[in-house]
Amino acid sequence: MSAQSLPRPAAAKRSLPKINPVYVLVAALILAIIVMNPAFGEPTGYMNFLKRVTALAILSAGALYVIVSGGFDLSVGSIMTLTVIGSSMLASNDPNSTYWIIPLMLCIGAVIGLINGLVVSYLKVPSLIATLGMMITLNGVAFMWSGGAPRGYLPDTFRFFGRYNITDIPVITLLPVAVICLVVFGTILWWGMHRTNFGRMLHAVGDNQQAARLAGVPVERVRISAFVVSALTAVLAGVILGGRAGVSVDIGSGFELQAITAAVIGGAQLLGGRGSVPATIAGALALEAIFTLLNLLGLAQPVRLVVQGLILIGAVAFATYQRKRAGR
């Protein structure tokens, strides 16, 4: 055998498919949960887990659009709260109201996203500041609307998306409607991010805004569209969360940071230019699995905040290091 016919380890190594570490992390965490709580391996256990994580997964996939474009959207949690509070106040216990309340909330969400995008794109306000101001404003609106206490009632037609389970399903026994929503909206968001020209422009803007502009990308319109997508998914997440958890004046509190954390776990670059919808959804699964493990270990709520904060700090430090190493 000649030297030229020998296998080349380096080439073989390069040809191996790359697997995002988040998928390995999710598998390891799920296995750990099953070891500590064997009931989790039953259909009821893992389907209820997916049901719990659906709102965060959809929210994170939508927030990823803004992150990939090089910004942040801190208003998504308050949009969720406004969706739940506003829907409960408008419903007036009327089951038929659901059919116009959800479209109305989606329109309100689109307007909020449009305002965020316009302020960031044309007034040149940093997205962190612009969406922080929007978050405070929307929380104040929700507080005034509700009088500071849970009021109103979400009818069963509204709660259907977050609460109802389809039963007598072969093999898996039950299938929550929320999980169907996750599959449907997750697929739409994946397609928009990874299979359309808009998604390619989104990555280009986040990677290098000036170069994207010189290449003919309508930077302002792309960034505005990203904020609109983020706000719309926040409304959808609010509908699902409200359906599952009911009415609360702070129901969306903290979800904005959880969405960023999920994107980070999924490998998104906080400075823009890189991100995957499936990996971000897996990041949401991983984050919820971490919280579940902490609960099984009997650790208090503050530990969840510590873990989440450490993940964000580590991600920002790593992203900054990568940018410096690449000379960007």
C-alpha atoms as a PDB file:
ATOM      1  CA  MET A   1       0.000   0.000   0.000  1.00  0.00           C
ATOM      2  CA  SER A   2       1.462   3.345  -0.976  1.00  0.00           C
ATOM      3  CA  ALA A   3       1.705   6.310   1.324  1.00  0.00           C
ATOM      4  CA  GLN A   4      -0.814   8.211  -0.819  1.00  0.00           C
ATOM      5  CA  SER A   5      -3.497   5.544  -0.270  1.00  0.00           C
ATOM      6  CA  LEU A   6      -3.258   5.682   3.521  1.00  0.00           C
ATOM      7  CA  PRO A   7      -6.200   7.285   5.317  1.00  0.00           C
ATOM      8  CA  ARG A   8      -5.816  10.872   6.367  1.00  0.00           C
ATOM      9  CA  PRO A   9      -6.910  11.340   9.979  1.00  0.00           C
ATOM     10  CA  ALA A  10      -7.127  15.114   9.702  1.00  0.00           C
ATOM     11  CA  ALA A  11      -9.438  14.972   6.695  1.00  0.00           C
ATOM     12  CA  ALA A  12     -11.557  12.287   8.328  1.00  0.00           C
ATOM     13  CA  LYS A  13     -11.814  14.400  11.423  1.00  0.00           C
ATOM     14  CA  ARG A  14     -12.962  17.410   9.452  1.00  0.00           C
ATOM     15  CA  SER A  15     -15.660  15.367   7.738  1.00  0.00           C
ATOM     16  CA  LEU A  16     -17.311  14.329  10.993  1.00  0.00           C
ATOM     17  CA  PRO A  17     -20.658  16.081  11.524  1.00  0.00           C
ATOM     18  CA  LYS A  18     -20.646  18.794  14.148  1.00  0.00           C
ATOM     19  CA  ILE A  19     -23.157  18.340  16.931  1.00  0.00           C
ATOM     20  CA  ASN A  20     -24.211  21.334  19.005  1.00  0.00           C
ATOM     21  CA  PRO A  21     -23.233  20.556  22.623  1.00  0.00           C
ATOM     22  CA  VAL A  22     -26.666  21.711  23.809  1.00  0.00           C
ATOM     23  CA  TYR A  23     -28.264  18.495  22.517  1.00  0.00           C
ATOM     24  CA  VAL A  24     -25.810  16.395  24.531  1.00  0.00           C
ATOM     25  CA  LEU A  25     -26.489  18.608  27.548  1.00  0.00           C
ATOM     26  CA  VAL A  26     -30.258  18.132  27.252  1.00  0.00           C
ATOM     27  CA  ALA A  27     -29.871  14.361  26.980  1.00  0.00           C
ATOM     28  CA  ALA A  28     -27.583  14.267  30.023  1.00  0.00           C
ATOM     29  CA  LEU A  29     -29.921  16.436  32.097  1.00  0.00           C
ATOM     30  CA  ILE A  30     -32.991  14.375  31.162  1.00  0.00           C
ATOM     31  CA  LEU A  31     -31.133  11.190  32.064  1.00  0.00           C
ATOM     32  CA  ALA A  32     -30.173  12.692  35.430  1.00  0.00           C
ATOM     33  CA  ILE A  33     -33.797  13.644  36.122  1.00  0.00           C
ATOM     34  CA  ILE A  34     -34.989  10.126  35.262  1.00  0.00           C
ATOM     35  CA  VAL A  35     -32.373   8.631  37.612  1.00  0.00           C
ATOM     36  CA  MET A  36     -33.540  10.888  40.447  1.00  0.00           C
ATOM     37  CA  ASN A  37     -37.238  10.594  39.586  1.00  0.00           C
ATOM     38  CA  PRO A  38     -38.093   7.486  37.506  1.00  0.00           C
ATOM     39  CA  ALA A  39     -41.684   8.716  37.051  1.00  0.00           C
ATOM     40  CA  PHE A  40     -40.303  11.380  34.712  1.00  0.00           C
ATOM     41  CA  GLY A  41     -39.631   8.643  32.158  1.00  0.00           C
ATOM     42  CA  GLU A  42     -43.347   7.894  31.909  1.00  0.00           C
ATOM     43  CA  PRO A  43     -45.365   9.666  29.174  1.00  0.00           C
ATOM     44  CA  THR A  44     -47.201  11.813  31.727  1.00  0.00           C
ATOM     45  CA  GLY A  45     -43.891  12.955  33.212  1.00  0.00           C
ATOM     46  CA  TYR A  46     -42.080  14.074  30.090  1.00  0.00           C
ATOM     47  CA  MET A  47     -45.200  15.430  28.380  1.00  0.00           C
ATOM     48  CA  ASN A  48     -45.925  17.653  31.374  1.00  0.00           C
ATOM     49  CA  PHE A  49     -42.290  18.767  31.246  1.00  0.00           C
ATOM     50  CA  LEU A  50     -42.671  19.754  27.592  1.00  0.00           C
ATOM     51  CA  LYS A  51     -45.926  21.487  28.455  1.00  0.00           C
ATOM     52  CA  ARG A  52     -44.162  23.587  31.096  1.00  0.00           C
ATOM     53  CA  VAL A  53     -41.314  24.592  28.809  1.00  0.00           C
ATOM     54  CA  THR A  54     -43.420  25.447  25.730  1.00  0.00           C
ATOM     55  CA  ALA A  55     -43.960  29.133  26.554  1.00  0.00           C
ATOM     56  CA  LEU A  56     -40.257  29.717  27.238  1.00  0.00           C
ATOM     57  CA  ALA A  57     -39.197  27.774  24.131  1.00  0.00           C
ATOM     58  CA  ILE A  58     -41.448  29.784  21.807  1.00  0.00           C
ATOM     59  CA  LEU A  59     -40.433  33.043  23.495  1.00  0.00           C
ATOM     60  CA  SER A  60     -36.723  32.201  23.225  1.00  0.00           C
ATOM     61  CA  ALA A  61     -36.965  31.256  19.544  1.00  0.00           C
ATOM     62  CA  GLY A  62     -38.614  34.607  18.798  1.00  0.00           C
ATOM     63  CA  ALA A  63     -36.176  36.606  20.934  1.00  0.00           C
ATOM     64  CA  LEU A  64     -33.355  34.910  19.012  1.00  0.00           C
ATOM     65  CA  TYR A  65     -34.294  36.972  15.942  1.00  0.00           C
ATOM     66  CA  VAL A  66     -33.324  40.152  17.801  1.00  0.00           C
ATOM     67  CA  ILE A  67     -30.204  38.566  19.297  1.00  0.00           C
ATOM     68  CA  VAL A  68     -28.982  37.380  15.879  1.00  0.00           C
ATOM     69  CA  SER A  69     -29.510  40.898  14.510  1.00  0.00           C
ATOM     70  CA  GLY A  70     -27.182  42.225  17.210  1.00  0.00           C
ATOM     71  CA  GLY A  71     -29.669  43.485  19.803  1.00  0.00           C
ATOM     72  CA  PHE A  72     -31.659  42.554  22.900  1.00  0.00           C
ATOM     73  CA  ASP A  73     -35.372  42.614  23.655  1.00  0.00           C
ATOM     74  CA  LEU A  74     -36.021  43.021  27.373  1.00  0.00           C
ATOM     75  CA  SER A  75     -39.695  43.870  26.836  1.00  0.00           C
ATOM     76  CA  VAL A  76     -40.884  40.327  26.014  1.00  0.00           C
ATOM     77  CA  GLY A  77     -41.672  39.397  29.616  1.00  0.00           C
ATOM     78  CA  SER A  78     -43.819  42.489  30.102  1.00  0.00           C
ATOM     79  CA  ILE A  79     -45.586  41.757  26.791  1.00  0.00           C
ATOM     80  CA  MET A  80     -46.480  38.335  28.192  1.00  0.00           C
ATOM     81  CA  THR A  81     -47.836  39.950  31.357  1.00  0.00           C
ATOM     82  CA  LEU A  82     -49.833  42.512  29.372  1.00  0.00           C
ATOM     83  CA  THR A  83     -51.247  39.725  27.195  1.00  0.00           C
ATOM     84  CA  VAL A  84     -52.515  37.758  30.190  1.00  0.00           C
ATOM     85  CA  ILE A  85     -53.804  40.766  32.148  1.00  0.00           C
ATOM     86  CA  GLY A  86     -55.367  42.435  29.105  1.00  0.00           C
ATOM     87  CA  SER A  87     -57.021  39.226  27.934  1.00  0.00           C
ATOM     88  CA  SER A  88     -58.508  38.502  31.344  1.00  0.00           C
ATOM     89  CA  MET A  89     -59.878  42.043  31.639  1.00  0.00           C
ATOM     90  CA  LEU A  90     -61.347  42.048  28.130  1.00  0.00           C
ATOM     91  CA  ALA A  91     -62.812  38.547  28.259  1.00  0.00           C
ATOM     92  CA  SER A  92     -65.457  39.359  30.904  1.00  0.00           C
ATOM     93  CA  ASN A  93     -66.034  35.615  31.349  1.00  0.00           C
ATOM     94  CA  ASP A  94     -67.292  35.365  27.773  1.00  0.00           C
ATOM     95  CA  PRO A  95     -65.982  32.182  26.045  1.00  0.00           C
ATOM     96  CA  ASN A  96     -66.640  33.693  22.604  1.00  0.00           C
ATOM     97  CA  SER A  97     -64.337  36.637  23.332  1.00  0.00           C
ATOM     98  CA  THR A  98     -61.238  34.478  22.782  1.00  0.00           C
ATOM     99  CA  TYR A  99     -61.718  34.604  19.015  1.00  0.00           C
ATOM    100  CA  TRP A 100     -61.164  38.363  18.871  1.00  0.00           C
ATOM    101  CA  ILE A 101     -58.980  38.893  21.952  1.00  0.00           C
ATOM    102  CA  ILE A 102     -56.029  36.808  20.713  1.00  0.00           C
ATOM    103  CA  PRO A 103     -55.895  38.590  17.296  1.00  0.00           C
ATOM    104  CA  LEU A 104     -56.185  41.926  19.136  1.00  0.00           C
ATOM    105  CA  MET A 105     -53.281  41.024  21.420  1.00  0.00           C
ATOM    106  CA  LEU A 106     -51.207  39.987  18.423  1.00  0.00           C
ATOM    107  CA  CYS A 107     -51.878  43.387  16.843  1.00  0.00           C
ATOM    108  CA  ILE A 108     -50.869  45.134  20.074  1.00  0.00           C
ATOM    109  CA  GLY A 109     -47.721  43.021  20.199  1.00  0.00           C
ATOM    110  CA  ALA A 110     -46.877  43.910  16.601  1.00  0.00           C
ATOM    111  CA  VAL A 111     -47.242  47.628  17.400  1.00  0.00           C
ATOM    112  CA  ILE A 112     -44.976  47.264  20.457  1.00  0.00           C
ATOM    113  CA  GLY A 113     -42.366  45.464  18.386  1.00  0.00           C
ATOM    114  CA  LEU A 114     -42.633  48.116  15.674  1.00  0.00           C
ATOM    115  CA  ILE A 115     -42.073  50.897  18.212  1.00  0.00           C
ATOM    116  CA  ASN A 116     -39.054  49.066  19.658  1.00  0.00           C
ATOM    117  CA  GLY A 117     -37.603  48.593  16.195  1.00  0.00           C
ATOM    118  CA  LEU A 118     -38.175  52.197  15.126  1.00  0.00           C
ATOM    119  CA  VAL A 119     -36.602  53.582  18.295  1.00  0.00           C
ATOM    120  CA  VAL A 120     -33.543  51.341  17.930  1.00  0.00           C
ATOM    121  CA  SER A 121     -33.133  51.702  14.160  1.00  0.00           C
ATOM    122  CA  TYR A 122     -33.886  55.386  13.557  1.00  0.00           C
ATOM    123  CA  LEU A 123     -33.418  57.100  16.921  1.00  0.00           C
ATOM    124  CA  LYS A 124     -30.245  55.039  17.460  1.00  0.00           C
ATOM    125  CA  VAL A 125     -31.154  54.216  21.053  1.00  0.00           C
ATOM    126  CA  PRO A 126     -29.305  51.061  22.205  1.00  0.00           C
ATOM    127  CA  SER A 127     -31.716  48.124  22.178  1.00  0.00           C
ATOM    128  CA  LEU A 128     -30.929  47.363  25.813  1.00  0.00           C
ATOM    129  CA  ILE A 129     -32.125  50.831  26.881  1.00  0.00           C
ATOM    130  CA  ALA A 130     -35.048  51.079  24.454  1.00  0.00           C
ATOM    131  CA  THR A 131     -36.569  47.732  25.414  1.00  0.00           C
ATOM    132  CA  LEU A 132     -35.848  48.278  29.114  1.00  0.00           C
ATOM    133  CA  GLY A 133     -37.902  51.479  28.888  1.00  0.00           C
ATOM    134  CA  MET A 134     -40.648  49.597  27.059  1.00  0.00           C
ATOM    135  CA  MET A 135     -40.580  46.883  29.720  1.00  0.00           C
ATOM    136  CA  ILE A 136     -41.096  49.429  32.503  1.00  0.00           C
ATOM    137  CA  THR A 137     -43.844  51.174  30.540  1.00  0.00           C
ATOM    138  CA  LEU A 138     -45.783  47.978  29.805  1.00  0.00           C
ATOM    139  CA  ASN A 139     -45.486  46.775  33.394  1.00  0.00           C
ATOM    140  CA  GLY A 140     -46.949  50.098  34.482  1.00  0.00           C
ATOM    141  CA  VAL A 141     -49.798  49.788  31.971  1.00  0.00           C
ATOM    142  CA  ALA A 142     -50.579  46.246  33.154  1.00  0.00           C
ATOM    143  CA  PHE A 143     -50.487  47.387  36.796  1.00  0.00           C
ATOM    144  CA  MET A 144     -52.852  50.301  36.168  1.00  0.00           C
ATOM    145  CA  TRP A 145     -55.181  48.177  34.026  1.00  0.00           C
ATOM    146  CA  SER A 146     -55.495  45.501  36.686  1.00  0.00           C
ATOM    147  CA  GLY A 147     -55.425  47.796  39.696  1.00  0.00           C
ATOM    148  CA  GLY A 148     -52.367  45.949  41.009  1.00  0.00           C
ATOM    149  CA  ALA A 149     -54.181  42.671  41.646  1.00  0.00           C
ATOM    150  CA  PRO A 150     -55.277  39.720  39.503  1.00  0.00           C
ATOM    151  CA  ARG A 151     -58.662  40.563  38.025  1.00  0.00           C
ATOM    152  CA  GLY A 152     -60.881  39.042  35.422  1.00  0.00           C
ATOM    153  CA  TYR A 153     -61.007  35.466  34.250  1.00  0.00           C
ATOM    154  CA  LEU A 154     -59.587  33.598  31.273  1.00  0.00           C
ATOM    155  CA  PRO A 155     -62.332  31.426  29.748  1.00  0.00           C
ATOM    156  CA  ASP A 156     -61.713  27.796  28.882  1.00  0.00           C
ATOM    157  CA  THR A 157     -61.583  28.646  25.178  1.00  0.00           C
ATOM    158  CA  PHE A 158     -58.552  30.851  25.919  1.00  0.00           C
ATOM    159  CA  ARG A 159     -56.924  28.400  28.322  1.00  0.00           C
ATOM    160  CA  PHE A 160     -57.318  25.597  25.793  1.00  0.00           C
ATOM    161  CA  PHE A 161     -53.888  26.311  24.255  1.00  0.00           C
ATOM    162  CA  GLY A 162     -51.985  26.050  27.528  1.00  0.00           C
ATOM    163  CA  ARG A 163     -54.050  23.610  29.559  1.00  0.00           C
ATOM    164  CA  TYR A 164     -55.843  21.066  27.378  1.00  0.00           C
ATOM    165  CA  ASN A 165     -54.417  17.583  26.759  1.00  0.00           C
ATOM    166  CA  ILE A 166     -55.428  15.238  23.950  1.00  0.00           C
ATOM    167  CA  THR A 167     -55.782  11.839  25.617  1.00  0.00           C
ATOM    168  CA  ASP A 168     -55.829   8.205  24.501  1.00  0.00           C
ATOM    169  CA  ILE A 169     -52.904   8.714  22.142  1.00  0.00           C
ATOM    170  CA  PRO A 170     -51.076   5.446  21.321  1.00  0.00           C
ATOM    171  CA  VAL A 171     -47.628   5.049  22.929  1.00  0.00           C
ATOM    172  CA  ILE A 172     -47.437   8.548  24.449  1.00  0.00           C
ATOM    173  CA  THR A 173     -50.890   8.350  26.152  1.00  0.00           C
ATOM    174  CA  LEU A 174     -51.478  12.114  26.071  1.00  0.00           C
ATOM    175  CA  LEU A 175     -50.453  15.052  23.917  1.00  0.00           C
ATOM    176  CA  PRO A 176     -50.755  18.596  25.296  1.00  0.00           C
ATOM    177  CA  VAL A 177     -52.056  21.181  22.844  1.00  0.00           C
ATOM    178  CA  ALA A 178     -49.187  23.399  24.039  1.00  0.00           C
ATOM    179  CA  VAL A 179     -46.680  20.897  22.627  1.00  0.00           C
ATOM    180  CA  ILE A 180     -48.470  20.994  19.262  1.00  0.00           C
ATOM    181  CA  CYS A 181     -48.187  24.795  19.371  1.00  0.00           C
ATOM    182  CA  LEU A 182     -44.450  24.460  20.070  1.00  0.00           C
ATOM    183  CA  VAL A 183     -43.950  22.191  17.059  1.00  0.00           C
ATOM    184  CA  VAL A 184     -45.993  24.450  14.761  1.00  0.00           C
ATOM    185  CA  PHE A 185     -44.536  27.799  15.820  1.00  0.00           C
ATOM    186  CA  GLY A 186     -41.049  26.361  16.246  1.00  0.00           C
ATOM    187  CA  THR A 187     -41.155  25.093  12.660  1.00  0.00           C
ATOM    188  CA  ILE A 188     -42.328  28.482  11.368  1.00  0.00           C
ATOM    189  CA  LEU A 189     -39.576  30.298  13.263  1.00  0.00           C
ATOM    190  CA  TRP A 190     -36.968  27.770  12.065  1.00  0.00           C
ATOM    191  CA  TRP A 191     -38.081  28.270   8.469  1.00  0.00           C
ATOM    192  CA  GLY A 192     -37.971  32.057   8.783  1.00  0.00           C
ATOM    193  CA  MET A 193     -34.505  32.040  10.336  1.00  0.00           C
ATOM    194  CA  HIS A 194     -32.775  29.329   8.309  1.00  0.00           C
ATOM    195  CA  ARG A 195     -34.626  28.925   5.018  1.00  0.00           C
ATOM    196  CA  THR A 196     -35.468  32.441   3.857  1.00  0.00           C
ATOM    197  CA  ASN A 197     -33.599  35.432   2.489  1.00  0.00           C
ATOM    198  CA  PHE A 198     -34.793  37.396   5.521  1.00  0.00           C
ATOM    199  CA  GLY A 199     -32.947  34.988   7.812  1.00  0.00           C
ATOM    200  CA  ARG A 200     -29.747  35.369   5.793  1.00  0.00           C
ATOM    201  CA  MET A 201     -30.030  39.155   5.957  1.00  0.00           C
ATOM    202  CA  LEU A 202     -30.655  38.904   9.707  1.00  0.00           C
ATOM    203  CA  HIS A 203     -27.388  37.037  10.206  1.00  0.00           C
ATOM    204  CA  ALA A 204     -25.568  39.483   7.923  1.00  0.00           C
ATOM    205  CA  VAL A 205     -26.797  42.498   9.906  1.00  0.00           C
ATOM    206  CA  GLY A 206     -25.751  40.955  13.209  1.00  0.00           C
ATOM    207  CA  ASP A 207     -22.386  39.823  11.882  1.00  0.00           C
ATOM    208  CA  ASN A 208     -21.349  43.158  10.384  1.00  0.00           C
ATOM    209  CA  GLN A 209     -23.936  45.877  10.005  1.00  0.00           C
ATOM    210  CA  GLN A 210     -21.779  48.170   7.875  1.00  0.00           C
ATOM    211  CA  ALA A 211     -20.805  45.390   5.468  1.00  0.00           C
ATOM    212  CA  ALA A 212     -24.450  44.300   5.223  1.00  0.00           C
ATOM    213  CA  ARG A 213     -25.480  47.863   4.344  1.00  0.00           C
ATOM    214  CA  LEU A 214     -22.824  48.084   1.644  1.00  0.00           C
ATOM    215  CA  ALA A 215     -24.097  44.764   0.253  1.00  0.00           C
ATOM    216  CA  GLY A 216     -27.553  46.278  -0.180  1.00  0.00           C
ATOM    217  CA  VAL A 217     -29.272  44.820   2.890  1.00  0.00           C
ATOM    218  CA  PRO A 218     -32.069  47.109   4.210  1.00  0.00           C
ATOM    219  CA  VAL A 219     -30.616  47.111   7.711  1.00  0.00           C
ATOM    220  CA  GLU A 220     -33.313  49.204   9.385  1.00  0.00           C
ATOM    221  CA  ARG A 221     -36.201  47.165   7.977  1.00  0.00           C
ATOM    222  CA  VAL A 222     -34.524  43.897   8.927  1.00  0.00           C
ATOM    223  CA  ARG A 223     -33.950  45.006  12.519  1.00  0.00           C
ATOM    224  CA  ILE A 224     -37.485  46.352  12.858  1.00  0.00           C
ATOM    225  CA  SER A 225     -38.878  43.062  11.530  1.00  0.00           C
ATOM    226  CA  ALA A 226     -36.811  41.166  14.114  1.00  0.00           C
ATOM    227  CA  PHE A 227     -38.382  43.169  16.959  1.00  0.00           C
ATOM    228  CA  VAL A 228     -41.867  42.571  15.538  1.00  0.00           C
ATOM    229  CA  VAL A 229     -41.249  38.812  15.385  1.00  0.00           C
ATOM    230  CA  SER A 230     -39.967  38.867  18.965  1.00  0.00           C
ATOM    231  CA  ALA A 231     -43.045  40.742  20.216  1.00  0.00           C
ATOM    232  CA  LEU A 232     -45.476  38.457  18.358  1.00  0.00           C
ATOM    233  CA  THR A 233     -43.895  35.342  19.851  1.00  0.00           C
ATOM    234  CA  ALA A 234     -44.089  36.998  23.283  1.00  0.00           C
ATOM    235  CA  VAL A 235     -47.863  37.335  22.818  1.00  0.00           C
ATOM    236  CA  LEU A 236     -48.128  33.680  21.764  1.00  0.00           C
ATOM    237  CA  ALA A 237     -46.047  32.649  24.766  1.00  0.00           C
ATOM    238  CA  GLY A 238     -48.296  34.766  27.003  1.00  0.00           C
ATOM    239  CA  VAL A 239     -51.412  33.045  25.656  1.00  0.00           C
ATOM    240  CA  ILE A 240     -49.935  29.615  26.371  1.00  0.00           C
ATOM    241  CA  LEU A 241     -48.550  30.575  29.784  1.00  0.00           C
ATOM    242  CA  GLY A 242     -51.805  32.239  30.823  1.00  0.00           C
ATOM    243  CA  GLY A 243     -53.725  29.180  29.720  1.00  0.00           C
ATOM    244  CA  ARG A 244     -51.548  26.953  31.885  1.00  0.00           C
ATOM    245  CA  ALA A 245     -50.844  29.117  34.926  1.00  0.00           C
ATOM    246  CA  GLY A 246     -53.809  31.505  35.099  1.00  0.00           C
ATOM    247  CA  VAL A 247     -53.872  35.247  35.775  1.00  0.00           C
ATOM    248  CA  SER A 248     -51.110  37.009  37.696  1.00  0.00           C
ATOM    249  CA  VAL A 249     -49.828  40.586  37.667  1.00  0.00           C
ATOM    250  CA  ASP A 250     -46.214  39.414  37.331  1.00  0.00           C
ATOM    251  CA  ILE A 251     -46.705  36.250  35.310  1.00  0.00           C
ATOM    252  CA  GLY A 252     -44.098  37.248  32.706  1.00  0.00           C
ATOM    253  CA  SER A 253     -41.530  38.574  35.153  1.00  0.00           C
ATOM    254  CA  GLY A 254     -38.044  37.191  34.504  1.00  0.00           C
ATOM    255  CA  PHE A 255     -38.907  35.525  31.211  1.00  0.00           C
ATOM    256  CA  GLU A 256     -36.903  38.071  29.239  1.00  0.00           C
ATOM    257  CA  LEU A 257     -33.678  36.944  30.908  1.00  0.00           C
ATOM    258  CA  GLN A 258     -34.639  33.283  30.693  1.00  0.00           C
ATOM    259  CA  ALA A 259     -35.130  33.699  26.938  1.00  0.00           C
ATOM    260  CA  ILE A 260     -31.670  35.234  26.554  1.00  0.00           C
ATOM    261  CA  THR A 261     -30.174  32.464  28.714  1.00  0.00           C
ATOM    262  CA  ALA A 262     -31.853  29.764  26.616  1.00  0.00           C
ATOM    263  CA  ALA A 263     -30.451  31.319  23.429  1.00  0.00           C
ATOM    264  CA  VAL A 264     -27.004  31.468  25.001  1.00  0.00           C
ATOM    265  CA  ILE A 265     -27.133  27.819  26.063  1.00  0.00           C
ATOM    266  CA  GLY A 266     -28.106  27.007  22.481  1.00  0.00           C
ATOM    267  CA  GLY A 267     -24.930  28.656  21.210  1.00  0.00           C
ATOM    268  CA  ALA A 268     -26.267  32.039  20.086  1.00  0.00           C
ATOM    269  CA  GLN A 269     -23.704  34.818  20.030  1.00  0.00           C
ATOM    270  CA  LEU A 270     -24.897  37.698  22.182  1.00  0.00           C
ATOM    271  CA  LEU A 271     -23.109  40.236  19.995  1.00  0.00           C
ATOM    272  CA  GLY A 272     -25.064  39.052  16.960  1.00  0.00           C
ATOM    273  CA  GLY A 273     -24.436  37.123  13.770  1.00  0.00           C
ATOM    274  CA  ARG A 274     -24.968  33.571  14.962  1.00  0.00           C
ATOM    275  CA  GLY A 275     -27.875  31.559  16.334  1.00  0.00           C
ATOM    276  CA  SER A 276     -30.037  28.493  15.699  1.00  0.00           C
ATOM    277  CA  VAL A 277     -33.757  28.154  16.401  1.00  0.00           C
ATOM    278  CA  PRO A 278     -33.652  24.374  17.120  1.00  0.00           C
ATOM    279  CA  ALA A 279     -30.617  24.845  19.381  1.00  0.00           C
ATOM    280  CA  THR A 280     -32.335  27.721  21.207  1.00  0.00           C
ATOM    281  CA  ILE A 281     -35.422  25.564  21.809  1.00  0.00           C
ATOM    282  CA  ALA A 282     -33.060  22.868  23.110  1.00  0.00           C
ATOM    283  CA  GLY A 283     -31.499  25.569  25.306  1.00  0.00           C
ATOM    284  CA  ALA A 284     -34.937  26.279  26.790  1.00  0.00           C
ATOM    285  CA  LEU A 285     -35.344  22.544  27.457  1.00  0.00           C
ATOM    286  CA  ALA A 286     -31.923  22.474  29.113  1.00  0.00           C
ATOM    287  CA  LEU A 287     -32.706  25.492  31.287  1.00  0.00           C
ATOM    288  CA  GLU A 288     -36.017  23.989  32.444  1.00  0.00           C
ATOM    289  CA  ALA A 289     -34.252  20.674  33.072  1.00  0.00           C
ATOM    290  CA  ILE A 290     -31.657  22.471  35.216  1.00  0.00           C
ATOM    291  CA  PHE A 291     -34.445  24.098  37.229  1.00  0.00           C
ATOM    292  CA  THR A 292     -36.162  20.717  37.596  1.00  0.00           C
ATOM    293  CA  LEU A 293     -32.954  19.140  38.896  1.00  0.00           C
ATOM    294  CA  LEU A 294     -32.481  21.976  41.370  1.00  0.00           C
ATOM    295  CA  ASN A 295     -36.021  21.398  42.641  1.00  0.00           C
ATOM    296  CA  LEU A 296     -35.381  17.660  42.986  1.00  0.00           C
ATOM    297  CA  LEU A 297     -32.251  18.470  44.974  1.00  0.00           C
ATOM    298  CA  GLY A 298     -34.340  20.662  47.287  1.00  0.00           C
ATOM    299  CA  LEU A 299     -32.478  23.867  46.450  1.00  0.00           C
ATOM    300  CA  ALA A 300     -34.288  27.169  46.888  1.00  0.00           C
ATOM    301  CA  GLN A 301     -35.516  29.578  44.193  1.00  0.00           C
ATOM    302  CA  PRO A 302     -32.558  31.984  44.596  1.00  0.00           C
ATOM    303  CA  VAL A 303     -30.207  29.225  43.402  1.00  0.00           C
ATOM    304  CA  ARG A 304     -32.009  29.280  40.038  1.00  0.00           C
ATOM    305  CA  LEU A 305     -31.190  32.977  39.711  1.00  0.00           C
ATOM    306  CA  VAL A 306     -27.551  32.346  40.602  1.00  0.00           C
ATOM    307  CA  VAL A 307     -27.233  29.614  37.966  1.00  0.00           C
ATOM    308  CA  GLN A 308     -28.953  31.758  35.338  1.00  0.00           C
ATOM    309  CA  GLY A 309     -26.733  34.737  36.140  1.00  0.00           C
ATOM    310  CA  LEU A 310     -23.551  32.672  35.922  1.00  0.00           C
ATOM    311  CA  ILE A 311     -24.598  31.315  32.526  1.00  0.00           C
ATOM    312  CA  LEU A 312     -25.162  34.838  31.183  1.00  0.00           C
ATOM    313  CA  ILE A 313     -21.874  36.185  32.569  1.00  0.00           C
ATOM    314  CA  GLY A 314     -19.952  33.241  31.161  1.00  0.00           C
ATOM    315  CA  ALA A 315     -21.641  33.622  27.777  1.00  0.00           C
ATOM    316  CA  VAL A 316     -20.850  37.331  27.485  1.00  0.00           C
ATOM    317  CA  ALA A 317     -17.222  36.726  28.495  1.00  0.00           C
ATOM    318  CA  PHE A 318     -16.886  33.887  25.982  1.00  0.00           C
ATOM    319  CA  ALA A 319     -18.499  35.896  23.166  1.00  0.00           C
ATOM    320  CA  THR A 320     -16.178  38.847  23.853  1.00  0.00           C
ATOM    321  CA  TYR A 321     -13.158  36.524  23.807  1.00  0.00           C
ATOM    322  CA  GLN A 322     -14.252  35.009  20.483  1.00  0.00           C
ATOM    323  CA  ARG A 323     -14.716  38.435  18.907  1.00  0.00           C
ATOM    324  CA  LYS A 324     -11.265  39.600  20.047  1.00  0.00           C
ATOM    325  CA  ARG A 325      -9.659  36.388  18.823  1.00  0.00           C
ATOM    326  CA  ALA A 326     -11.299  36.843  15.421  1.00  0.00           C
ATOM    327  CA  GLY A 327     -10.067  40.428  15.303  1.00  0.00           C
ATOM    328  CA  ARG A 328     -13.610  41.864  15.050  1.00  0.00           C
END
